[in-house]
Amino acid sequence: DHVFPLQVAVLLSEPSEDFTGGEFVMTEQRPRMQTRPMV
């Protein structure tokens, strides 16, 4: 029930060197609108 509204993620590996792909993605759903994707 107790939720802090913000959180943090720290990337510990180097893109293109340690891995490829694996993007952090988010979506946002606004009322009566299609979902907005974010990378």
Full PDB file with SEQRES, HELIX, SHEET, SSBOND, CRYST1, ORIGX, SCALE, CONECT and MASTER records, all heavy atoms in Angstrom:
SEQRES   1 A   39  ASP HIS VAL PHE PRO LEU GLN VAL ALA VAL LEU LEU SER          
SEQRES   2 A   39  GLU PRO SER GLU ASP PHE THR GLY GLY GLU PHE VAL MET          
SEQRES   3 A   39  THR GLU GLN ARG PRO ARG MET GLN THR ARG PRO MET VAL          
SHEET    1 AA1 2 MET A  26  GLU A  28  0                                        
SHEET    2 AA1 2 ARG A  36  MET A  38 -1                                        
CRYST1    1.000    1.000    1.000  90.00  90.00  90.00 P 1           1          
ORIGX1      1.000000  0.000000  0.000000        0.00000                         
ORIGX2      0.000000  1.000000  0.000000        0.00000                         
ORIGX3      0.000000  0.000000  1.000000        0.00000                         
SCALE1      1.000000  0.000000  0.000000        0.00000                         
SCALE2      0.000000  1.000000  0.000000        0.00000                         
SCALE3      0.000000  0.000000  1.000000        0.00000                         
ATOM      1  N   ASP A   1       0.811  -1.214   0.000  1.00  0.00           N  
ATOM      2  CA  ASP A   1       0.000   0.000   0.000  1.00  0.00           C  
ATOM      3  C   ASP A   1       0.846   1.267   0.000  1.00  0.00           C  
ATOM      4  O   ASP A   1       0.437   2.290  -0.543  1.00  0.00           O  
ATOM      5  CB  ASP A   1      -0.930   0.007   1.218  1.00  0.00           C  
ATOM      6  CG  ASP A   1      -2.010  -1.064   1.134  1.00  0.00           C  
ATOM      7  OD1 ASP A   1      -2.349  -1.472   0.008  1.00  0.00           O  
ATOM      8  OD2 ASP A   1      -2.505  -1.488   2.200  1.00  0.00           O  
ATOM      9  N   HIS A   2       2.028   1.209   0.632  1.00  0.00           N  
ATOM     10  CA  HIS A   2       2.892   2.392   0.707  1.00  0.00           C  
ATOM     11  C   HIS A   2       3.871   2.349  -0.465  1.00  0.00           C  
ATOM     12  O   HIS A   2       4.760   1.495  -0.517  1.00  0.00           O  
ATOM     13  CB  HIS A   2       3.628   2.437   2.043  1.00  0.00           C  
ATOM     14  CG  HIS A   2       2.719   2.710   3.201  1.00  0.00           C  
ATOM     15  ND1 HIS A   2       2.421   3.983   3.633  1.00  0.00           N  
ATOM     16  CD2 HIS A   2       2.010   1.864   3.982  1.00  0.00           C  
ATOM     17  CE1 HIS A   2       1.576   3.917   4.656  1.00  0.00           C  
ATOM     18  NE2 HIS A   2       1.316   2.642   4.874  1.00  0.00           N  
ATOM     19  N   VAL A   3       3.686   3.260  -1.406  1.00  0.00           N  
ATOM     20  CA  VAL A   3       4.483   3.296  -2.635  1.00  0.00           C  
ATOM     21  C   VAL A   3       5.089   4.687  -2.788  1.00  0.00           C  
ATOM     22  O   VAL A   3       4.360   5.687  -2.825  1.00  0.00           O  
ATOM     23  CB  VAL A   3       3.619   2.956  -3.864  1.00  0.00           C  
ATOM     24  CG1 VAL A   3       4.431   3.103  -5.147  1.00  0.00           C  
ATOM     25  CG2 VAL A   3       3.031   1.559  -3.749  1.00  0.00           C  
ATOM     26  N   PHE A   4       6.415   4.759  -2.885  1.00  0.00           N  
ATOM     27  CA  PHE A   4       7.054   6.035  -3.217  1.00  0.00           C  
ATOM     28  C   PHE A   4       6.952   6.215  -4.722  1.00  0.00           C  
ATOM     29  O   PHE A   4       7.291   5.306  -5.487  1.00  0.00           O  
ATOM     30  CB  PHE A   4       8.510   6.041  -2.762  1.00  0.00           C  
ATOM     31  CG  PHE A   4       9.159   7.390  -2.850  1.00  0.00           C  
ATOM     32  CD1 PHE A   4       8.815   8.395  -1.959  1.00  0.00           C  
ATOM     33  CD2 PHE A   4      10.101   7.665  -3.830  1.00  0.00           C  
ATOM     34  CE1 PHE A   4       9.398   9.652  -2.035  1.00  0.00           C  
ATOM     35  CE2 PHE A   4      10.693   8.911  -3.929  1.00  0.00           C  
ATOM     36  CZ  PHE A   4      10.344   9.911  -3.030  1.00  0.00           C  
ATOM     37  N   PRO A   5       6.482   7.363  -5.203  1.00  0.00           N  
ATOM     38  CA  PRO A   5       6.107   7.511  -6.616  1.00  0.00           C  
ATOM     39  C   PRO A   5       7.248   7.533  -7.624  1.00  0.00           C  
ATOM     40  O   PRO A   5       7.000   7.505  -8.824  1.00  0.00           O  
ATOM     41  CB  PRO A   5       5.360   8.849  -6.636  1.00  0.00           C  
ATOM     42  CG  PRO A   5       4.889   9.061  -5.237  1.00  0.00           C  
ATOM     43  CD  PRO A   5       5.985   8.501  -4.398  1.00  0.00           C  
ATOM     44  N   LEU A   6       8.508   7.604  -7.169  1.00  0.00           N  
ATOM     45  CA  LEU A   6       9.655   7.608  -8.072  1.00  0.00           C  
ATOM     46  C   LEU A   6      10.620   6.496  -7.688  1.00  0.00           C  
ATOM     47  O   LEU A   6      10.734   6.145  -6.508  1.00  0.00           O  
ATOM     48  CB  LEU A   6      10.385   8.954  -8.026  1.00  0.00           C  
ATOM     49  CG  LEU A   6       9.628  10.163  -8.564  1.00  0.00           C  
ATOM     50  CD1 LEU A   6      10.358  11.460  -8.207  1.00  0.00           C  
ATOM     51  CD2 LEU A   6       9.432  10.067 -10.074  1.00  0.00           C  
ATOM     52  N   GLN A   7      11.320   5.941  -8.685  1.00  0.00           N  
ATOM     53  CA  GLN A   7      12.365   4.983  -8.409  1.00  0.00           C  
ATOM     54  C   GLN A   7      13.512   5.212  -9.380  1.00  0.00           C  
ATOM     55  O   GLN A   7      13.410   6.030 -10.304  1.00  0.00           O  
ATOM     56  CB  GLN A   7      11.868   3.543  -8.504  1.00  0.00           C  
ATOM     57  CG  GLN A   7      11.504   3.061  -9.880  1.00  0.00           C  
ATOM     58  CD  GLN A   7      10.853   1.682  -9.843  1.00  0.00           C  
ATOM     59  OE1 GLN A   7       9.705   1.536  -9.411  1.00  0.00           O  
ATOM     60  NE2 GLN A   7      11.567   0.677 -10.310  1.00  0.00           N  
ATOM     61  N   VAL A   8      14.619   4.496  -9.166  1.00  0.00           N  
ATOM     62  CA  VAL A   8      15.845   4.731  -9.917  1.00  0.00           C  
ATOM     63  C   VAL A   8      16.396   3.399 -10.411  1.00  0.00           C  
ATOM     64  O   VAL A   8      16.380   2.405  -9.686  1.00  0.00           O  
ATOM     65  CB  VAL A   8      16.891   5.452  -9.036  1.00  0.00           C  
ATOM     66  CG1 VAL A   8      18.235   5.554  -9.756  1.00  0.00           C  
ATOM     67  CG2 VAL A   8      16.389   6.832  -8.630  1.00  0.00           C  
ATOM     68  N   ALA A   9      16.875   3.369 -11.651  1.00  0.00           N  
ATOM     69  CA  ALA A   9      17.598   2.224 -12.194  1.00  0.00           C  
ATOM     70  C   ALA A   9      18.957   2.700 -12.682  1.00  0.00           C  
ATOM     71  O   ALA A   9      19.047   3.726 -13.377  1.00  0.00           O  
ATOM     72  CB  ALA A   9      16.817   1.576 -13.328  1.00  0.00           C  
ATOM     73  N   VAL A  10      20.010   1.971 -12.313  1.00  0.00           N  
ATOM     74  CA  VAL A  10      21.374   2.322 -12.709  1.00  0.00           C  
ATOM     75  C   VAL A  10      21.909   1.235 -13.636  1.00  0.00           C  
ATOM     76  O   VAL A  10      21.942   0.055 -13.254  1.00  0.00           O  
ATOM     77  CB  VAL A  10      22.302   2.459 -11.483  1.00  0.00           C  
ATOM     78  CG1 VAL A  10      23.672   2.982 -11.923  1.00  0.00           C  
ATOM     79  CG2 VAL A  10      21.699   3.372 -10.425  1.00  0.00           C  
ATOM     80  N   LEU A  11      22.315   1.611 -14.831  1.00  0.00           N  
ATOM     81  CA  LEU A  11      22.879   0.651 -15.772  1.00  0.00           C  
ATOM     82  C   LEU A  11      24.331   0.370 -15.389  1.00  0.00           C  
ATOM     83  O   LEU A  11      25.154   1.289 -15.318  1.00  0.00           O  
ATOM     84  CB  LEU A  11      22.800   1.198 -17.202  1.00  0.00           C  
ATOM     85  CG  LEU A  11      23.281   0.255 -18.302  1.00  0.00           C  
ATOM     86  CD1 LEU A  11      22.479  -1.037 -18.321  1.00  0.00           C  
ATOM     87  CD2 LEU A  11      23.214   0.944 -19.659  1.00  0.00           C  
ATOM     88  N   LEU A  12      24.658  -0.908 -15.159  1.00  0.00           N  
ATOM     89  CA  LEU A  12      25.987  -1.298 -14.693  1.00  0.00           C  
ATOM     90  C   LEU A  12      26.872  -1.849 -15.803  1.00  0.00           C  
ATOM     91  O   LEU A  12      28.054  -2.128 -15.565  1.00  0.00           O  
ATOM     92  CB  LEU A  12      25.853  -2.350 -13.583  1.00  0.00           C  
ATOM     93  CG  LEU A  12      24.982  -1.952 -12.380  1.00  0.00           C  
ATOM     94  CD1 LEU A  12      24.904  -3.108 -11.393  1.00  0.00           C  
ATOM     95  CD2 LEU A  12      25.506  -0.697 -11.703  1.00  0.00           C  
ATOM     96  N   SER A  13      26.336  -2.023 -17.013  1.00  0.00           N  
ATOM     97  CA  SER A  13      27.072  -2.558 -18.158  1.00  0.00           C  
ATOM     98  C   SER A  13      27.120  -1.513 -19.266  1.00  0.00           C  
ATOM     99  O   SER A  13      26.282  -0.610 -19.307  1.00  0.00           O  
ATOM    100  CB  SER A  13      26.398  -3.831 -18.667  1.00  0.00           C  
ATOM    101  OG  SER A  13      26.232  -4.787 -17.619  1.00  0.00           O  
ATOM    102  N   GLU A  14      28.104  -1.655 -20.154  1.00  0.00           N  
ATOM    103  CA  GLU A  14      28.297  -0.653 -21.205  1.00  0.00           C  
ATOM    104  C   GLU A  14      27.636  -1.106 -22.507  1.00  0.00           C  
ATOM    105  O   GLU A  14      28.012  -2.140 -23.071  1.00  0.00           O  
ATOM    106  CB  GLU A  14      29.786  -0.429 -21.454  1.00  0.00           C  
ATOM    107  CG  GLU A  14      30.088   0.670 -22.463  1.00  0.00           C  
ATOM    108  CD  GLU A  14      29.593   2.029 -22.018  1.00  0.00           C  
ATOM    109  OE1 GLU A  14      29.949   2.465 -20.903  1.00  0.00           O  
ATOM    110  OE2 GLU A  14      28.826   2.638 -22.786  1.00  0.00           O  
ATOM    111  N   PRO A  15      26.656  -0.343 -23.011  1.00  0.00           N  
ATOM    112  CA  PRO A  15      26.052  -0.682 -24.299  1.00  0.00           C  
ATOM    113  C   PRO A  15      27.092  -0.726 -25.411  1.00  0.00           C  
ATOM    114  O   PRO A  15      28.071   0.032 -25.399  1.00  0.00           O  
ATOM    115  CB  PRO A  15      25.044   0.450 -24.532  1.00  0.00           C  
ATOM    116  CG  PRO A  15      24.775   1.006 -23.173  1.00  0.00           C  
ATOM    117  CD  PRO A  15      26.048   0.855 -22.403  1.00  0.00           C  
ATOM    118  N   SER A  16      26.875  -1.626 -26.366  1.00  0.00           N  
ATOM    119  CA  SER A  16      27.738  -1.843 -27.531  1.00  0.00           C  
ATOM    120  C   SER A  16      29.025  -2.576 -27.185  1.00  0.00           C  
ATOM    121  O   SER A  16      29.607  -3.224 -28.056  1.00  0.00           O  
ATOM    122  CB  SER A  16      28.091  -0.520 -28.240  1.00  0.00           C  
ATOM    123  OG  SER A  16      26.913   0.117 -28.708  1.00  0.00           O  
ATOM    124  N   GLU A  17      29.482  -2.492 -25.941  1.00  0.00           N  
ATOM    125  CA  GLU A  17      30.672  -3.233 -25.524  1.00  0.00           C  
ATOM    126  C   GLU A  17      30.283  -4.509 -24.773  1.00  0.00           C  
ATOM    127  O   GLU A  17      30.726  -5.599 -25.127  1.00  0.00           O  
ATOM    128  CB  GLU A  17      31.571  -2.365 -24.643  1.00  0.00           C  
ATOM    129  CG  GLU A  17      32.187  -1.176 -25.348  1.00  0.00           C  
ATOM    130  CD  GLU A  17      33.096  -0.378 -24.450  1.00  0.00           C  
ATOM    131  OE1 GLU A  17      33.427  -0.879 -23.339  1.00  0.00           O  
ATOM    132  OE2 GLU A  17      33.477   0.743 -24.829  1.00  0.00           O  
ATOM    133  N   ASP A  18      29.463  -4.377 -23.744  1.00  0.00           N  
ATOM    134  CA  ASP A  18      29.045  -5.531 -22.948  1.00  0.00           C  
ATOM    135  C   ASP A  18      27.800  -6.202 -23.513  1.00  0.00           C  
ATOM    136  O   ASP A  18      27.585  -7.390 -23.286  1.00  0.00           O  
ATOM    137  CB  ASP A  18      28.776  -5.116 -21.502  1.00  0.00           C  
ATOM    138  CG  ASP A  18      30.005  -4.572 -20.810  1.00  0.00           C  
ATOM    139  OD1 ASP A  18      31.111  -5.070 -21.115  1.00  0.00           O  
ATOM    140  OD2 ASP A  18      29.883  -3.652 -19.984  1.00  0.00           O  
ATOM    141  N   PHE A  19      26.959  -5.448 -24.216  1.00  0.00           N  
ATOM    142  CA  PHE A  19      25.712  -6.006 -24.740  1.00  0.00           C  
ATOM    143  C   PHE A  19      25.193  -5.132 -25.869  1.00  0.00           C  
ATOM    144  O   PHE A  19      25.593  -3.973 -26.019  1.00  0.00           O  
ATOM    145  CB  PHE A  19      24.657  -6.113 -23.636  1.00  0.00           C  
ATOM    146  CG  PHE A  19      24.137  -4.783 -23.141  1.00  0.00           C  
ATOM    147  CD1 PHE A  19      22.983  -4.216 -23.678  1.00  0.00           C  
ATOM    148  CD2 PHE A  19      24.805  -4.078 -22.144  1.00  0.00           C  
ATOM    149  CE1 PHE A  19      22.503  -2.995 -23.241  1.00  0.00           C  
ATOM    150  CE2 PHE A  19      24.332  -2.854 -21.690  1.00  0.00           C  
ATOM    151  CZ  PHE A  19      23.177  -2.317 -22.238  1.00  0.00           C  
ATOM    152  N   THR A  20      24.278  -5.703 -26.658  1.00  0.00           N  
ATOM    153  CA  THR A  20      23.520  -4.935 -27.645  1.00  0.00           C  
ATOM    154  C   THR A  20      22.036  -5.223 -27.441  1.00  0.00           C  
ATOM    155  O   THR A  20      21.663  -6.271 -26.900  1.00  0.00           O  
ATOM    156  CB  THR A  20      23.913  -5.289 -29.086  1.00  0.00           C  
ATOM    157  OG1 THR A  20      23.656  -6.684 -29.324  1.00  0.00           O  
ATOM    158  CG2 THR A  20      25.390  -4.993 -29.336  1.00  0.00           C  
ATOM    159  N   GLY A  21      21.191  -4.298 -27.915  1.00  0.00           N  
ATOM    160  CA  GLY A  21      19.769  -4.389 -27.596  1.00  0.00           C  
ATOM    161  C   GLY A  21      19.561  -3.942 -26.159  1.00  0.00           C  
ATOM    162  O   GLY A  21      20.310  -3.126 -25.620  1.00  0.00           O  
ATOM    163  N   GLY A  22      18.531  -4.486 -25.511  1.00  0.00           N  
ATOM    164  CA  GLY A  22      18.334  -4.247 -24.082  1.00  0.00           C  
ATOM    165  C   GLY A  22      18.133  -2.797 -23.699  1.00  0.00           C  
ATOM    166  O   GLY A  22      18.710  -2.333 -22.711  1.00  0.00           O  
ATOM    167  N   GLU A  23      17.311  -2.059 -24.436  1.00  0.00           N  
ATOM    168  CA  GLU A  23      17.036  -0.664 -24.094  1.00  0.00           C  
ATOM    169  C   GLU A  23      16.032  -0.581 -22.939  1.00  0.00           C  
ATOM    170  O   GLU A  23      15.123  -1.403 -22.818  1.00  0.00           O  
ATOM    171  CB  GLU A  23      16.473   0.093 -25.297  1.00  0.00           C  
ATOM    172  CG  GLU A  23      17.423   0.217 -26.469  1.00  0.00           C  
ATOM    173  CD  GLU A  23      17.287  -0.907 -27.472  1.00  0.00           C  
ATOM    174  OE1 GLU A  23      16.563  -1.895 -27.168  1.00  0.00           O  
ATOM    175  OE2 GLU A  23      17.895  -0.823 -28.551  1.00  0.00           O  
ATOM    176  N   PHE A  24      16.199   0.433 -22.110  1.00  0.00           N  
ATOM    177  CA  PHE A  24      15.213   0.730 -21.065  1.00  0.00           C  
ATOM    178  C   PHE A  24      14.052   1.460 -21.735  1.00  0.00           C  
ATOM    179  O   PHE A  24      14.249   2.489 -22.374  1.00  0.00           O  
ATOM    180  CB  PHE A  24      15.832   1.598 -19.980  1.00  0.00           C  
ATOM    181  CG  PHE A  24      14.906   1.872 -18.816  1.00  0.00           C  
ATOM    182  CD1 PHE A  24      14.887   1.028 -17.718  1.00  0.00           C  
ATOM    183  CD2 PHE A  24      14.048   2.971 -18.827  1.00  0.00           C  
ATOM    184  CE1 PHE A  24      14.035   1.274 -16.653  1.00  0.00           C  
ATOM    185  CE2 PHE A  24      13.192   3.218 -17.767  1.00  0.00           C  
ATOM    186  CZ  PHE A  24      13.187   2.365 -16.681  1.00  0.00           C  
ATOM    187  N   VAL A  25      12.852   0.915 -21.591  1.00  0.00           N  
ATOM    188  CA  VAL A  25      11.689   1.479 -22.271  1.00  0.00           C  
ATOM    189  C   VAL A  25      10.589   1.796 -21.267  1.00  0.00           C  
ATOM    190  O   VAL A  25      10.493   1.179 -20.199  1.00  0.00           O  
ATOM    191  CB  VAL A  25      11.140   0.524 -23.356  1.00  0.00           C  
ATOM    192  CG1 VAL A  25      12.190   0.285 -24.425  1.00  0.00           C  
ATOM    193  CG2 VAL A  25      10.696  -0.803 -22.749  1.00  0.00           C  
ATOM    194  N   MET A  26       9.765   2.783 -21.622  1.00  0.00           N  
ATOM    195  CA  MET A  26       8.612   3.145 -20.816  1.00  0.00           C  
ATOM    196  C   MET A  26       7.417   3.385 -21.726  1.00  0.00           C  
ATOM    197  O   MET A  26       7.584   3.713 -22.908  1.00  0.00           O  
ATOM    198  CB  MET A  26       8.887   4.411 -19.989  1.00  0.00           C  
ATOM    199  CG  MET A  26       9.987   4.271 -18.969  1.00  0.00           C  
ATOM    200  SD  MET A  26      10.133   5.745 -17.912  1.00  0.00           S  
ATOM    201  CE  MET A  26       8.571   5.672 -17.020  1.00  0.00           C  
ATOM    202  N   THR A  27       6.235   3.223 -21.175  1.00  0.00           N  
ATOM    203  CA  THR A  27       5.013   3.606 -21.879  1.00  0.00           C  
ATOM    204  C   THR A  27       4.181   4.497 -20.962  1.00  0.00           C  
ATOM    205  O   THR A  27       4.239   4.388 -19.738  1.00  0.00           O  
ATOM    206  CB  THR A  27       4.170   2.391 -22.290  1.00  0.00           C  
ATOM    207  OG1 THR A  27       3.775   1.653 -21.124  1.00  0.00           O  
ATOM    208  CG2 THR A  27       4.944   1.489 -23.236  1.00  0.00           C  
ATOM    209  N   GLU A  28       3.423   5.376 -21.604  1.00  0.00           N  
ATOM    210  CA  GLU A  28       2.552   6.293 -20.870  1.00  0.00           C  
ATOM    211  C   GLU A  28       1.161   6.259 -21.499  1.00  0.00           C  
ATOM    212  O   GLU A  28       1.009   6.481 -22.691  1.00  0.00           O  
ATOM    213  CB  GLU A  28       3.127   7.708 -20.930  1.00  0.00           C  
ATOM    214  CG  GLU A  28       2.301   8.744 -20.176  1.00  0.00           C  
ATOM    215  CD  GLU A  28       2.936  10.112 -20.259  1.00  0.00           C  
ATOM    216  OE1 GLU A  28       2.643  10.844 -21.226  1.00  0.00           O  
ATOM    217  OE2 GLU A  28       3.740  10.432 -19.367  1.00  0.00           O  
ATOM    218  N   GLN A  29       0.173   5.947 -20.678  1.00  0.00           N  
ATOM    219  CA  GLN A  29      -1.208   5.868 -21.146  1.00  0.00           C  
ATOM    220  C   GLN A  29      -1.983   7.067 -20.635  1.00  0.00           C  
ATOM    221  O   GLN A  29      -2.194   7.214 -19.432  1.00  0.00           O  
ATOM    222  CB  GLN A  29      -1.874   4.580 -20.658  1.00  0.00           C  
ATOM    223  CG  GLN A  29      -3.309   4.419 -21.113  1.00  0.00           C  
ATOM    224  CD  GLN A  29      -3.442   4.387 -22.632  1.00  0.00           C  
ATOM    225  OE1 GLN A  29      -2.866   3.538 -23.288  1.00  0.00           O  
ATOM    226  NE2 GLN A  29      -4.190   5.333 -23.190  1.00  0.00           N  
ATOM    227  N   ARG A  30      -2.406   7.932 -21.572  1.00  0.00           N  
ATOM    228  CA  ARG A  30      -3.221   9.084 -21.222  1.00  0.00           C  
ATOM    229  C   ARG A  30      -4.686   8.769 -21.499  1.00  0.00           C  
ATOM    230  O   ARG A  30      -4.984   7.991 -22.407  1.00  0.00           O  
ATOM    231  CB  ARG A  30      -2.778  10.311 -22.030  1.00  0.00           C  
ATOM    232  CG  ARG A  30      -1.324  10.681 -21.809  1.00  0.00           C  
ATOM    233  CD  ARG A  30      -0.960  12.003 -22.465  1.00  0.00           C  
ATOM    234  NE  ARG A  30       0.443  12.327 -22.259  1.00  0.00           N  
ATOM    235  CZ  ARG A  30       0.986  13.519 -22.480  1.00  0.00           C  
ATOM    236  NH1 ARG A  30       0.223  14.505 -22.937  1.00  0.00           N  
ATOM    237  NH2 ARG A  30       2.265  13.726 -22.265  1.00  0.00           N  
ATOM    238  N   PRO A  31      -5.602   9.353 -20.736  1.00  0.00           N  
ATOM    239  CA  PRO A  31      -7.029   9.051 -20.936  1.00  0.00           C  
ATOM    240  C   PRO A  31      -7.474   9.329 -22.363  1.00  0.00           C  
ATOM    241  O   PRO A  31      -7.160  10.373 -22.935  1.00  0.00           O  
ATOM    242  CB  PRO A  31      -7.725   9.986 -19.938  1.00  0.00           C  
ATOM    243  CG  PRO A  31      -6.699  10.272 -18.890  1.00  0.00           C  
ATOM    244  CD  PRO A  31      -5.384  10.286 -19.611  1.00  0.00           C  
ATOM    245  N   ARG A  32      -8.175   8.351 -22.962  1.00  0.00           N  
ATOM    246  CA  ARG A  32      -8.777   8.489 -24.294  1.00  0.00           C  
ATOM    247  C   ARG A  32      -7.740   8.774 -25.375  1.00  0.00           C  
ATOM    248  O   ARG A  32      -8.043   9.370 -26.399  1.00  0.00           O  
ATOM    249  CB  ARG A  32      -9.863   9.575 -24.286  1.00  0.00           C  
ATOM    250  CG  ARG A  32     -11.031   9.271 -23.337  1.00  0.00           C  
ATOM    251  CD  ARG A  32     -12.007  10.417 -23.288  1.00  0.00           C  
ATOM    252  NE  ARG A  32     -11.390  11.637 -22.790  1.00  0.00           N  
ATOM    253  CZ  ARG A  32     -11.174  11.886 -21.501  1.00  0.00           C  
ATOM    254  NH1 ARG A  32     -11.538  11.010 -20.579  1.00  0.00           N  
ATOM    255  NH2 ARG A  32     -10.617  13.023 -21.124  1.00  0.00           N  
ATOM    256  N   MET A  33      -6.483   8.355 -25.147  1.00  0.00           N  
ATOM    257  CA  MET A  33      -5.424   8.518 -26.135  1.00  0.00           C  
ATOM    258  C   MET A  33      -4.665   7.211 -26.267  1.00  0.00           C  
ATOM    259  O   MET A  33      -4.691   6.369 -25.364  1.00  0.00           O  
ATOM    260  CB  MET A  33      -4.458   9.649 -25.729  1.00  0.00           C  
ATOM    261  CG  MET A  33      -5.102  11.025 -25.661  1.00  0.00           C  
ATOM    262  SD  MET A  33      -3.950  12.291 -25.059  1.00  0.00           S  
ATOM    263  CE  MET A  33      -2.770  12.333 -26.405  1.00  0.00           C  
ATOM    264  N   GLN A  34      -3.985   7.020 -27.386  1.00  0.00           N  
ATOM    265  CA  GLN A  34      -3.164   5.832 -27.547  1.00  0.00           C  
ATOM    266  C   GLN A  34      -1.906   5.923 -26.685  1.00  0.00           C  
ATOM    267  O   GLN A  34      -1.470   7.006 -26.295  1.00  0.00           O  
ATOM    268  CB  GLN A  34      -2.797   5.659 -29.022  1.00  0.00           C  
ATOM    269  CG  GLN A  34      -3.999   5.324 -29.909  1.00  0.00           C  
ATOM    270  CD  GLN A  34      -3.594   5.030 -31.335  1.00  0.00           C  
ATOM    271  OE1 GLN A  34      -2.561   5.485 -31.802  1.00  0.00           O  
ATOM    272  NE2 GLN A  34      -4.425   4.256 -32.021  1.00  0.00           N  
ATOM    273  N   THR A  35      -1.330   4.768 -26.401  1.00  0.00           N  
ATOM    274  CA  THR A  35      -0.168   4.686 -25.524  1.00  0.00           C  
ATOM    275  C   THR A  35       1.063   5.307 -26.179  1.00  0.00           C  
ATOM    276  O   THR A  35       1.349   5.070 -27.357  1.00  0.00           O  
ATOM    277  CB  THR A  35       0.120   3.216 -25.168  1.00  0.00           C  
ATOM    278  OG1 THR A  35      -1.012   2.672 -24.494  1.00  0.00           O  
ATOM    279  CG2 THR A  35       1.343   3.101 -24.282  1.00  0.00           C  
ATOM    280  N   ARG A  36       1.803   6.088 -25.398  1.00  0.00           N  
ATOM    281  CA  ARG A  36       3.025   6.736 -25.892  1.00  0.00           C  
ATOM    282  C   ARG A  36       4.242   5.919 -25.466  1.00  0.00           C  
ATOM    283  O   ARG A  36       4.457   5.694 -24.273  1.00  0.00           O  
ATOM    284  CB  ARG A  36       3.129   8.147 -25.328  1.00  0.00           C  
ATOM    285  CG  ARG A  36       4.371   8.909 -25.780  1.00  0.00           C  
ATOM    286  CD  ARG A  36       4.292  10.374 -25.396  1.00  0.00           C  
ATOM    287  NE  ARG A  36       4.523  10.620 -23.996  1.00  0.00           N  
ATOM    288  CZ  ARG A  36       5.596  11.272 -23.505  1.00  0.00           C  
ATOM    289  NH1 ARG A  36       6.524  11.727 -24.326  1.00  0.00           N  
ATOM    290  NH2 ARG A  36       5.709  11.488 -22.216  1.00  0.00           N  
ATOM    291  N   PRO A  37       5.083   5.430 -26.413  1.00  0.00           N  
ATOM    292  CA  PRO A  37       6.300   4.706 -26.059  1.00  0.00           C  
ATOM    293  C   PRO A  37       7.480   5.652 -25.892  1.00  0.00           C  
ATOM    294  O   PRO A  37       7.559   6.688 -26.557  1.00  0.00           O  
ATOM    295  CB  PRO A  37       6.514   3.780 -27.255  1.00  0.00           C  
ATOM    296  CG  PRO A  37       5.971   4.569 -28.409  1.00  0.00           C  
ATOM    297  CD  PRO A  37       4.830   5.404 -27.867  1.00  0.00           C  
ATOM    298  N   MET A  38       8.413   5.288 -25.005  1.00  0.00           N  
ATOM    299  CA  MET A  38       9.610   6.088 -24.780  1.00  0.00           C  
ATOM    300  C   MET A  38      10.796   5.148 -24.595  1.00  0.00           C  
ATOM    301  O   MET A  38      10.682   4.131 -23.909  1.00  0.00           O  
ATOM    302  CB  MET A  38       9.446   6.967 -23.533  1.00  0.00           C  
ATOM    303  CG  MET A  38       8.326   7.994 -23.628  1.00  0.00           C  
ATOM    304  SD  MET A  38       7.980   8.828 -22.034  1.00  0.00           S  
ATOM    305  CE  MET A  38       7.002   7.549 -21.209  1.00  0.00           C  
ATOM    306  N   VAL A  39      11.928   5.480 -25.191  1.00  0.00           N  
ATOM    307  CA  VAL A  39      13.176   4.757 -25.001  1.00  0.00           C  
ATOM    308  C   VAL A  39      14.155   5.692 -24.304  1.00  0.00           C  
ATOM    309  O   VAL A  39      14.384   6.815 -24.762  1.00  0.00           O  
ATOM    310  CB  VAL A  39      13.762   4.274 -26.339  1.00  0.00           C  
ATOM    311  CG1 VAL A  39      15.103   3.588 -26.118  1.00  0.00           C  
ATOM    312  CG2 VAL A  39      12.789   3.321 -27.031  1.00  0.00           C  
TER     313      VAL A  39                                                      
MASTER        0    0    0    0    2    0    0    6  312    1    0    3          
END                                                                             
